[in-house]
């Protein structure tokens, strides 16, 4: 009886020893951080953002087989020629996904363009993949929120280059939201409206200075001076804008000018042969 009992114990121990040998990792996309940013067409540089994809890899423990991972990103719903574009109606805003903070290497779903990582562990683990986003400045786009959805594919294998062998990658979506708000700027500020006047001259003196306003496409705006009349050295003058009322931005610079007039026949106040004076006026762009 004693010998039979020892044989049973040894057999059970052998079976338990085989049960703890873990199989390969099973990995899945757990979380994706999307992009939700404000885009300003008149900004001095590109819009830049970043995000992560979290991958959970599970196993029951045991061996430390290396799991190779590749994360591919599609070109979204509105792409043309491989160019990612977010959309609102028929208006489009181009952007790009990148694999590095320097924004030099594209993130896509072709050989050499995927995010890559490996994990080696005896237990379940988490892998975090980092990516970057950029949208070039100066795009002529209307106001509103531009949306896109990018499909992500996770390829995995116990051998390098898993995209070559994994024919059923797991998928997730990356959401893009870019909000364009109305914005205007003096892209070319005005210079001086400079008069040259001789006492009692028989014709009015005129002077002009130009400037340009750049507003987001579709943004209404007005331009006004704080005063359109004044006096310098006893000489009265008037100022007028070449464009008045409400204008609508086009995304490119719109030129306007200020014209000044000094009526003829004024004597002025000058105790010397020549005199000079200046006066500041405020130009306001409202939108």
Protein backbone atom coordinates (compact mmCIF):
# COMPACT_ATOMS: atom_id res chain seq x y z
CA UNK A 1 0.00 0.00 0.00
CA UNK A 2 2.80 2.42 0.87
CA UNK A 3 4.57 1.94 -2.47
CA UNK A 4 1.36 2.49 -4.46
CA UNK A 5 0.69 5.78 -2.67
CA UNK A 6 4.16 7.11 -3.51
CA UNK A 7 3.65 6.35 -7.21
CA UNK A 8 0.40 8.36 -7.28
CA UNK A 9 2.06 11.35 -5.66
CA UNK A 10 4.91 11.34 -8.17
CA UNK A 11 2.47 11.15 -11.08
CA UNK A 12 0.47 14.12 -9.82
CA UNK A 13 3.63 16.15 -9.38
CA UNK A 14 4.64 15.43 -12.96
CA UNK A 15 1.25 16.57 -14.26
CA UNK A 16 1.39 19.84 -12.26
CA UNK A 17 4.88 20.60 -13.50
CA UNK A 18 3.63 20.49 -17.12
CA UNK A 19 0.65 22.78 -16.34
CA UNK A 20 2.77 25.82 -15.34
CA UNK A 21 4.49 26.12 -18.73
CA UNK A 22 2.92 29.31 -20.11
CA UNK A 23 2.06 29.81 -23.74
CA UNK A 24 2.80 33.03 -25.71
CA UNK A 25 1.45 36.45 -24.84
CA UNK A 26 -1.99 37.50 -25.99
CA UNK A 27 -1.92 41.27 -26.60
CA UNK A 28 -4.76 43.71 -27.26
CA UNK A 29 -5.16 47.48 -27.60
CA UNK A 30 -6.45 48.75 -24.27
CA UNK A 31 -6.58 52.54 -24.76
CA UNK A 32 -5.92 55.16 -27.43
CA UNK A 33 -5.54 58.87 -26.66
CA UNK A 34 -7.09 60.94 -29.44
CA UNK A 35 -6.36 64.46 -30.68
CA UNK A 36 -8.59 67.42 -29.74
CA UNK A 37 -6.84 70.71 -30.50
CA UNK A 38 -7.52 74.27 -31.59
CA UNK A 39 -6.12 75.10 -35.02
CA UNK A 40 -5.18 78.69 -35.83
CA UNK A 41 -4.46 79.22 -39.55
CA UNK A 42 -2.61 82.49 -38.82
CA UNK A 43 -0.23 80.92 -36.29
CA UNK A 44 3.49 81.38 -36.84
CA UNK A 45 4.20 77.64 -36.76
CA UNK A 46 2.63 74.23 -37.22
CA UNK A 47 0.18 72.81 -34.70
CA UNK A 48 1.78 69.91 -32.81
CA UNK A 49 0.30 67.31 -30.48
CA UNK A 50 1.06 63.84 -29.18
CA UNK A 51 -0.62 60.75 -27.85
CA UNK A 52 -0.18 57.15 -26.76
CA UNK A 53 -1.55 53.70 -27.46
CA UNK A 54 -1.65 51.34 -24.48
CA UNK A 55 -1.35 47.62 -25.21
CA UNK A 56 -2.11 45.02 -22.55
CA UNK A 57 -0.33 41.68 -22.96
CA UNK A 58 -1.54 38.78 -20.81
CA UNK A 59 -0.18 35.34 -20.00
CA UNK A 60 -0.56 32.93 -17.10
CA UNK A 61 3.12 33.10 -16.18
CA UNK A 62 6.07 30.80 -16.67
CA UNK A 63 8.37 31.28 -19.65
CA UNK A 64 9.81 34.58 -20.90
CA UNK A 65 9.16 34.32 -24.62
CA UNK A 66 9.60 37.67 -26.40
CA UNK A 67 6.49 39.14 -28.00
CA UNK A 68 7.03 41.31 -31.06
CA UNK A 69 4.50 44.09 -31.69
CA UNK A 70 3.82 46.44 -34.61
CA UNK A 71 1.17 49.17 -34.57
CA UNK A 72 -0.06 50.45 -37.93
CA UNK A 73 -2.12 53.62 -38.53
CA UNK A 74 -4.39 54.08 -41.54
CA UNK A 75 -4.88 57.33 -43.44
CA UNK A 76 -8.36 58.10 -42.13
CA UNK A 77 -11.71 58.67 -43.79
CA UNK A 78 -10.86 61.64 -46.01
CA UNK A 79 -7.35 60.93 -47.27
CA UNK A 80 -6.16 61.58 -50.79
CA UNK A 81 -2.79 60.48 -52.11
CA UNK A 82 -1.83 59.23 -48.65
CA UNK A 83 -2.49 62.66 -47.07
CA UNK A 84 -4.56 62.55 -43.87
CA UNK A 85 -7.36 65.12 -43.79
CA UNK A 86 -9.99 66.05 -41.23
CA UNK A 87 -13.30 67.27 -42.64
CA UNK A 88 -16.34 69.40 -41.95
CA UNK A 89 -18.70 69.12 -44.89
CA UNK A 90 -16.63 69.70 -48.01
CA UNK A 91 -13.96 71.73 -46.19
CA UNK A 92 -10.76 69.81 -45.41
CA UNK A 93 -7.81 70.36 -43.08
CA UNK A 94 -4.62 68.39 -43.71
CA UNK A 95 -2.60 66.79 -40.92
CA UNK A 96 0.02 64.08 -40.42
CA UNK A 97 0.82 61.36 -37.88
CA UNK A 98 4.46 60.89 -36.89
CA UNK A 99 6.56 58.33 -34.98
CA UNK A 100 9.04 60.77 -33.46
CA UNK A 101 9.00 64.07 -31.55
CA UNK A 102 11.09 65.66 -34.30
CA UNK A 103 8.17 64.96 -36.68
CA UNK A 104 10.47 63.50 -39.34
CA UNK A 105 9.18 59.92 -39.71
CA UNK A 106 5.66 59.10 -40.83
CA UNK A 107 3.39 56.75 -38.89
CA UNK A 108 1.45 54.54 -41.28
CA UNK A 109 0.51 50.95 -41.94
CA UNK A 110 3.15 49.92 -44.44
CA UNK A 111 6.54 48.23 -44.06
CA UNK A 112 8.89 50.43 -42.06
CA UNK A 113 6.24 52.98 -41.05
CA UNK A 114 4.62 51.19 -38.09
CA UNK A 115 5.35 51.74 -34.41
CA UNK A 116 7.35 48.77 -33.10
CA UNK A 117 7.99 47.33 -29.65
CA UNK A 118 8.87 44.08 -27.91
CA UNK A 119 8.04 42.74 -24.48
CA UNK A 120 9.74 39.94 -22.55
CA UNK A 121 8.22 38.93 -19.25
CA UNK A 122 7.15 35.87 -17.31
CA UNK A 123 3.90 37.61 -16.42
CA UNK A 124 1.24 39.84 -17.94
CA UNK A 125 2.53 43.31 -18.84
CA UNK A 126 1.62 46.64 -20.41
CA UNK A 127 3.34 48.29 -23.38
CA UNK A 128 2.90 52.03 -24.11
CA UNK A 129 3.55 53.28 -27.63
CA UNK A 130 4.09 57.03 -28.24
CA UNK A 131 3.14 58.95 -31.38
CA UNK A 132 2.94 62.57 -32.55
CA UNK A 133 0.60 64.76 -34.61
CA UNK A 134 1.18 67.88 -36.73
CA UNK A 135 -0.91 70.20 -38.92
CA UNK A 136 0.88 72.79 -41.04
CA UNK A 137 0.10 76.45 -40.47
CA UNK A 138 -1.43 78.72 -43.10
CA UNK A 139 -4.17 76.40 -44.38
CA UNK A 140 -7.14 78.28 -45.82
CA UNK A 141 -10.01 76.71 -43.89
CA UNK A 142 -13.38 77.88 -42.62
CA UNK A 143 -14.40 77.94 -38.97
CA UNK A 144 -15.83 74.81 -37.33
CA UNK A 145 -14.69 71.46 -35.93
CA UNK A 146 -12.92 69.16 -38.37
CA UNK A 147 -13.16 65.43 -37.64
CA UNK A 148 -11.46 62.26 -38.77
CA UNK A 149 -11.20 58.64 -37.63
CA UNK A 150 -8.03 56.59 -38.14
CA UNK A 151 -8.00 52.79 -37.93
CA UNK A 152 -5.15 51.29 -35.89
CA UNK A 153 -3.98 47.70 -36.36
CA UNK A 154 -1.93 45.74 -33.84
CA UNK A 155 0.20 42.95 -35.33
CA UNK A 156 1.82 40.48 -32.91
CA UNK A 157 4.01 37.39 -33.10
CA UNK A 158 6.77 35.49 -31.30
CA UNK A 159 9.03 36.22 -34.28
CA UNK A 160 10.29 39.57 -35.65
CA UNK A 161 8.25 41.51 -38.23
CA UNK A 162 4.85 40.31 -37.01
CA UNK A 163 2.98 42.15 -39.77
CA UNK A 164 4.35 39.51 -42.16
CA UNK A 165 2.72 36.64 -40.30
CA UNK A 166 -0.24 38.06 -38.35
CA UNK A 167 -3.12 37.95 -40.80
CA UNK A 168 -5.77 38.91 -38.22
CA UNK A 169 -4.50 41.99 -36.38
CA UNK A 170 -6.61 43.47 -33.61
CA UNK A 171 -7.99 46.94 -34.36
CA UNK A 172 -8.97 50.17 -32.60
CA UNK A 173 -9.77 53.73 -33.70
CA UNK A 174 -7.96 57.02 -33.19
CA UNK A 175 -10.20 60.11 -33.15
CA UNK A 176 -9.07 63.46 -34.56
CA UNK A 177 -10.89 66.74 -33.74
CA UNK A 178 -9.47 70.10 -34.85
CA UNK A 179 -11.45 73.23 -33.98
CA UNK A 180 -10.96 76.33 -36.10
CA UNK A 181 -12.23 79.58 -34.56
CA UNK A 182 -12.49 82.97 -36.23
CA UNK A 183 -9.25 84.93 -35.98
CA UNK A 184 -7.86 88.09 -37.57
CA UNK A 185 -4.47 89.73 -37.57
CA UNK A 186 -2.77 92.77 -39.09
CA UNK A 187 -0.54 90.82 -41.43
CA UNK A 188 0.93 94.13 -42.71
CA UNK A 189 0.53 97.03 -40.26
CA UNK A 190 0.09 100.58 -41.55
CA UNK A 191 2.95 103.05 -41.74
CA UNK A 192 2.80 106.82 -41.24
CA UNK A 193 0.34 108.98 -43.15
CA UNK A 194 2.87 111.71 -43.86
CA UNK A 195 1.78 115.13 -45.13
CA UNK A 196 3.88 117.84 -46.76
CA UNK A 197 2.10 121.20 -46.61
CA UNK A 198 2.93 124.82 -47.51
CA UNK A 199 0.94 127.63 -45.89
CA UNK A 200 -1.98 128.80 -48.01
CA UNK A 201 -1.30 126.28 -50.77
CA UNK A 202 -4.04 126.26 -53.38
CA UNK A 203 -4.59 122.48 -53.59
CA UNK A 204 -5.26 119.94 -50.84
CA UNK A 205 -2.35 117.86 -49.56
CA UNK A 206 -2.88 114.09 -49.54
CA UNK A 207 -0.99 111.14 -48.11
CA UNK A 208 -1.68 107.40 -48.04
CA UNK A 209 -0.54 104.38 -46.05
CA UNK A 210 -1.52 100.76 -46.77
CA UNK A 211 -2.04 97.77 -44.51
CA UNK A 212 -3.45 94.24 -44.80
CA UNK A 213 -5.74 92.14 -42.63
CA UNK A 214 -5.72 88.33 -42.69
CA UNK A 215 -8.78 86.59 -41.22
CA UNK A 216 -9.85 82.97 -41.05
CA UNK A 217 -11.88 82.01 -44.09
CA UNK A 218 -15.52 83.01 -43.57
CA UNK A 219 -14.87 85.26 -40.56
CA UNK A 220 -16.72 88.63 -40.67
CA UNK A 221 -14.68 91.63 -39.52
CA UNK A 222 -14.61 95.43 -39.52
CA UNK A 223 -11.78 97.95 -39.47
CA UNK A 224 -12.08 101.38 -37.83
CA UNK A 225 -9.98 104.36 -36.75
CA UNK A 226 -10.43 105.95 -33.33
CA UNK A 227 -10.79 109.35 -35.06
CA UNK A 228 -11.02 110.50 -38.65
CA UNK A 229 -10.27 114.20 -38.10
CA UNK A 230 -7.55 116.11 -36.26
CA UNK A 231 -5.26 119.13 -36.23
CA UNK A 232 -1.49 119.31 -36.58
CA UNK A 233 0.38 122.65 -36.33
CA UNK A 234 -2.92 124.43 -36.84
CA UNK A 235 -3.66 122.44 -39.98
CA UNK A 236 -6.88 120.45 -40.10
CA UNK A 237 -6.89 117.02 -41.70
CA UNK A 238 -9.27 114.16 -42.43
CA UNK A 239 -8.64 110.43 -42.64
CA UNK A 240 -10.61 107.83 -44.60
CA UNK A 241 -10.38 104.06 -45.04
CA UNK A 242 -10.54 102.61 -48.53
CA UNK A 243 -12.90 99.87 -47.34
CA UNK A 244 -15.66 100.32 -44.78
CA UNK A 245 -18.43 98.18 -43.32
CA UNK A 246 -18.25 94.44 -42.68
CA UNK A 247 -15.86 92.36 -44.74
CA UNK A 248 -15.44 88.57 -44.78
CA UNK A 249 -12.07 86.90 -44.37
CA UNK A 250 -10.75 84.63 -47.07
CA UNK A 251 -7.77 83.13 -45.26
CA UNK A 252 -5.34 85.33 -47.21
CA UNK A 253 -4.24 88.94 -46.73
CA UNK A 254 -6.83 91.54 -47.76
CA UNK A 255 -5.31 94.98 -48.49
CA UNK A 256 -6.79 98.26 -47.25
CA UNK A 257 -5.43 101.80 -47.18
CA UNK A 258 -5.74 104.96 -45.09
CA UNK A 259 -5.91 108.20 -47.07
CA UNK A 260 -5.35 111.55 -45.39
CA UNK A 261 -6.36 114.96 -46.74
CA UNK A 262 -5.39 118.48 -45.63
CA UNK A 263 -7.67 121.08 -47.27
CA UNK A 264 -6.12 123.92 -49.25
CA UNK A 265 -5.81 127.51 -48.02
CA UNK A 266 -4.77 126.87 -44.41
CA UNK A 267 -2.07 129.05 -42.82
CA UNK A 268 -0.93 126.71 -40.05
CA UNK A 269 1.09 127.60 -36.93
CA UNK A 270 4.82 127.56 -37.49
CA UNK A 271 7.28 130.15 -36.12
CA UNK A 272 10.21 128.80 -38.11
CA UNK A 273 10.90 128.15 -41.77
CA UNK A 274 9.80 124.53 -41.37
CA UNK A 275 7.99 122.70 -38.58
CA UNK A 276 6.99 119.09 -37.95
CA UNK A 277 4.57 117.33 -35.63
CA UNK A 278 2.95 113.96 -35.27
CA UNK A 279 -0.22 112.48 -33.83
CA UNK A 280 -1.04 108.86 -33.04
CA UNK A 281 -4.22 107.24 -34.28
CA UNK A 282 -5.52 103.77 -33.30
CA UNK A 283 -6.59 101.24 -35.91
CA UNK A 284 -8.92 98.51 -34.60
CA UNK A 285 -9.84 95.23 -36.29
CA UNK A 286 -13.02 93.74 -34.78
CA UNK A 287 -14.18 90.18 -35.46
